[in-house]
N, C-alpha and C. Protein backbone atom coordinates (compact mmCIF):
# COMPACT_ATOMS: atom_id res chain seq x y z
N MET A 1 -15.50 -21.88 -72.32
CA MET A 1 -14.95 -21.87 -70.87
C MET A 1 -15.76 -20.71 -70.14
N PRO A 2 -16.51 -20.94 -68.96
CA PRO A 2 -17.28 -20.07 -68.40
C PRO A 2 -16.35 -19.12 -67.66
N GLU A 3 -16.69 -17.78 -67.42
CA GLU A 3 -16.13 -16.75 -66.75
C GLU A 3 -16.53 -16.95 -65.42
N ARG A 4 -15.61 -16.44 -64.51
CA ARG A 4 -15.91 -16.48 -63.09
C ARG A 4 -16.28 -14.99 -62.83
N THR A 5 -17.31 -15.00 -62.15
CA THR A 5 -17.94 -13.67 -61.71
C THR A 5 -17.32 -13.24 -60.50
N ALA A 6 -17.55 -11.85 -60.19
CA ALA A 6 -17.02 -11.32 -59.00
C ALA A 6 -17.58 -11.96 -57.81
N GLU A 7 -18.86 -12.33 -57.77
CA GLU A 7 -19.46 -12.98 -56.63
C GLU A 7 -18.96 -14.47 -56.40
N ASP A 8 -18.38 -15.07 -57.43
CA ASP A 8 -17.65 -16.49 -57.26
C ASP A 8 -16.45 -16.36 -56.77
N ILE A 9 -15.76 -15.41 -57.10
CA ILE A 9 -14.38 -15.04 -56.46
C ILE A 9 -14.48 -14.59 -54.96
N ARG A 10 -15.41 -13.67 -54.76
CA ARG A 10 -15.59 -13.45 -53.30
C ARG A 10 -16.12 -14.66 -52.43
N ARG A 11 -16.75 -15.72 -52.86
CA ARG A 11 -17.21 -16.81 -52.15
C ARG A 11 -16.03 -17.71 -51.94
N GLU A 12 -15.05 -17.84 -52.98
CA GLU A 12 -14.00 -18.51 -52.90
C GLU A 12 -13.06 -17.94 -51.99
N ILE A 13 -12.81 -16.59 -51.83
CA ILE A 13 -11.90 -15.86 -50.97
C ILE A 13 -12.40 -16.11 -49.51
N ALA A 14 -13.97 -16.06 -49.25
CA ALA A 14 -14.40 -16.21 -48.07
C ALA A 14 -14.16 -17.61 -47.47
N ALA A 15 -14.27 -18.62 -48.35
CA ALA A 15 -14.01 -20.07 -48.09
C ALA A 15 -12.50 -20.17 -47.63
N GLU A 16 -11.67 -19.55 -48.15
CA GLU A 16 -10.26 -19.64 -48.07
C GLU A 16 -10.01 -19.09 -46.56
N ARG A 17 -10.58 -17.94 -46.54
CA ARG A 17 -10.44 -17.03 -45.12
C ARG A 17 -10.99 -18.00 -43.86
N GLN A 18 -12.15 -18.49 -44.11
CA GLN A 18 -12.72 -19.49 -42.97
C GLN A 18 -11.67 -20.63 -42.89
N SER A 19 -11.21 -21.24 -43.97
CA SER A 19 -10.28 -22.32 -43.66
C SER A 19 -8.98 -21.97 -42.92
N LEU A 20 -8.58 -20.79 -43.24
CA LEU A 20 -7.19 -20.33 -42.58
C LEU A 20 -7.79 -19.90 -41.03
N ALA A 21 -8.80 -19.51 -40.76
CA ALA A 21 -9.33 -19.07 -39.51
C ALA A 21 -9.28 -20.39 -38.70
N ASP A 22 -9.86 -21.41 -39.34
CA ASP A 22 -9.89 -22.64 -38.55
C ASP A 22 -8.53 -23.31 -38.38
N ASP A 23 -7.60 -23.07 -39.29
CA ASP A 23 -6.30 -23.66 -39.11
C ASP A 23 -5.52 -22.86 -37.95
N LEU A 24 -5.99 -21.61 -37.99
CA LEU A 24 -5.26 -20.81 -36.79
C LEU A 24 -5.91 -21.12 -35.40
N ASP A 25 -7.14 -21.31 -35.48
CA ASP A 25 -7.83 -21.99 -33.96
C ASP A 25 -7.09 -23.07 -33.70
N VAL A 26 -6.91 -24.12 -34.65
CA VAL A 26 -6.18 -25.60 -34.19
C VAL A 26 -4.82 -24.94 -33.51
N LEU A 27 -4.13 -24.28 -34.37
CA LEU A 27 -2.61 -23.87 -33.88
C LEU A 27 -2.71 -23.14 -32.31
N HIS A 28 -3.73 -22.37 -32.19
CA HIS A 28 -3.85 -21.74 -30.97
C HIS A 28 -4.04 -22.90 -29.78
N ALA A 29 -5.01 -23.61 -30.19
CA ALA A 29 -5.15 -24.75 -29.13
C ALA A 29 -4.07 -25.68 -28.84
N GLU A 30 -3.27 -25.91 -29.77
CA GLU A 30 -1.91 -26.72 -29.77
C GLU A 30 -0.94 -25.93 -28.70
N ALA A 31 -0.88 -24.68 -29.19
CA ALA A 31 0.06 -23.79 -28.34
C ALA A 31 -0.38 -23.69 -26.93
N ARG A 32 -1.77 -23.69 -26.58
CA ARG A 32 -2.08 -23.59 -25.34
C ARG A 32 -1.88 -24.86 -24.50
N SER A 33 -1.85 -25.86 -25.31
CA SER A 33 -1.78 -27.27 -24.62
C SER A 33 -0.18 -27.58 -24.17
N LEU A 34 0.60 -26.75 -24.98
CA LEU A 34 2.11 -26.85 -24.62
C LEU A 34 2.51 -26.00 -23.38
N VAL A 35 1.87 -24.89 -22.94
CA VAL A 35 2.16 -24.08 -21.91
C VAL A 35 2.38 -24.72 -20.61
N PRO A 36 1.66 -25.60 -20.13
CA PRO A 36 1.92 -26.35 -18.90
C PRO A 36 3.28 -27.11 -18.89
N VAL A 37 3.55 -27.56 -20.18
CA VAL A 37 4.79 -28.34 -20.32
C VAL A 37 6.03 -27.32 -20.17
N ALA A 38 5.96 -26.22 -20.97
CA ALA A 38 6.89 -25.30 -20.89
C ALA A 38 7.14 -24.78 -19.54
N VAL A 39 6.05 -24.33 -18.83
CA VAL A 39 6.22 -23.79 -17.44
C VAL A 39 6.87 -24.86 -16.53
N ALA A 40 6.42 -26.15 -16.57
CA ALA A 40 7.07 -27.21 -15.83
C ALA A 40 8.59 -27.29 -16.09
N GLY A 41 8.76 -27.23 -17.43
CA GLY A 41 10.29 -27.19 -17.69
C GLY A 41 11.23 -26.18 -17.27
N VAL A 42 10.65 -24.96 -17.19
CA VAL A 42 11.26 -23.68 -16.69
C VAL A 42 11.50 -23.88 -15.12
N VAL A 43 10.32 -24.44 -14.49
CA VAL A 43 10.53 -24.59 -12.95
C VAL A 43 11.47 -25.60 -12.74
N GLY A 44 11.51 -26.59 -13.51
CA GLY A 44 12.67 -27.64 -13.38
C GLY A 44 13.88 -27.21 -13.42
N VAL A 45 14.21 -26.29 -14.49
CA VAL A 45 15.61 -25.78 -14.63
C VAL A 45 15.84 -24.80 -13.33
N VAL A 46 14.94 -24.09 -12.92
CA VAL A 46 15.06 -23.15 -11.82
C VAL A 46 15.53 -23.87 -10.64
N LEU A 47 14.60 -24.90 -10.23
CA LEU A 47 14.94 -25.87 -9.05
C LEU A 47 16.20 -26.44 -9.10
N LEU A 48 16.69 -26.94 -10.29
CA LEU A 48 17.87 -27.62 -10.30
C LEU A 48 19.05 -26.71 -10.39
N SER A 49 19.06 -25.65 -10.93
CA SER A 49 19.89 -24.52 -10.67
C SER A 49 20.24 -24.11 -9.24
N GLN A 50 19.02 -23.95 -8.67
CA GLN A 50 19.07 -23.33 -7.25
C GLN A 50 19.55 -24.62 -6.32
N SER A 51 19.30 -25.91 -6.65
CA SER A 51 19.82 -27.01 -5.78
C SER A 51 21.47 -27.01 -6.05
N LYS A 52 21.94 -26.71 -7.20
CA LYS A 52 23.32 -26.81 -7.39
C LYS A 52 24.08 -25.65 -6.55
N ARG A 53 23.37 -24.45 -6.40
CA ARG A 53 23.95 -23.53 -5.79
C ARG A 53 23.92 -23.72 -4.21
N LEU A 54 22.90 -24.35 -3.82
CA LEU A 54 22.85 -24.76 -2.43
C LEU A 54 23.88 -25.68 -2.11
N VAL A 55 23.97 -26.73 -2.87
CA VAL A 55 25.11 -27.61 -2.70
C VAL A 55 26.51 -26.99 -2.69
N SER A 56 26.75 -26.12 -3.79
CA SER A 56 27.95 -25.49 -3.62
C SER A 56 28.31 -24.52 -2.66
N GLY A 57 27.11 -24.03 -2.28
CA GLY A 57 27.35 -23.10 -1.00
C GLY A 57 27.58 -23.79 0.27
N ALA A 58 26.97 -25.02 0.29
CA ALA A 58 27.08 -25.84 1.47
C ALA A 58 28.62 -26.40 1.41
N ARG A 59 29.21 -26.85 0.31
CA ARG A 59 30.60 -27.29 0.15
C ARG A 59 31.49 -26.23 0.75
N PHE A 60 31.22 -24.88 0.09
CA PHE A 60 32.02 -23.89 0.37
C PHE A 60 32.27 -23.56 2.06
N LEU A 61 30.93 -23.60 2.77
CA LEU A 61 30.89 -23.37 4.07
C LEU A 61 31.64 -24.44 4.77
N TRP A 62 31.65 -25.81 4.28
CA TRP A 62 32.18 -26.99 4.88
C TRP A 62 33.80 -26.78 4.82
N ARG A 63 34.41 -26.22 3.67
CA ARG A 63 35.73 -25.97 3.71
C ARG A 63 36.02 -24.77 4.49
N LEU A 64 35.30 -23.89 4.71
CA LEU A 64 35.70 -22.87 5.60
C LEU A 64 35.74 -23.44 7.09
N LEU A 65 35.04 -24.21 7.44
CA LEU A 65 34.93 -24.78 8.79
C LEU A 65 36.21 -25.69 8.88
């Protein structure tokens, strides 16, 4: 059974690090592609909550009149 040398182990570690770096780059790209969807969702929630406030405020004013 052949022994692994230090250089073989270093090459294996370097290959694994490169593989992990590639996977991390893919994850970053996926996260960046989700940012516009998340921003649109937050804007939608804010607009919806603001419209409900405006409607309830208008109802309150109508009752006062």
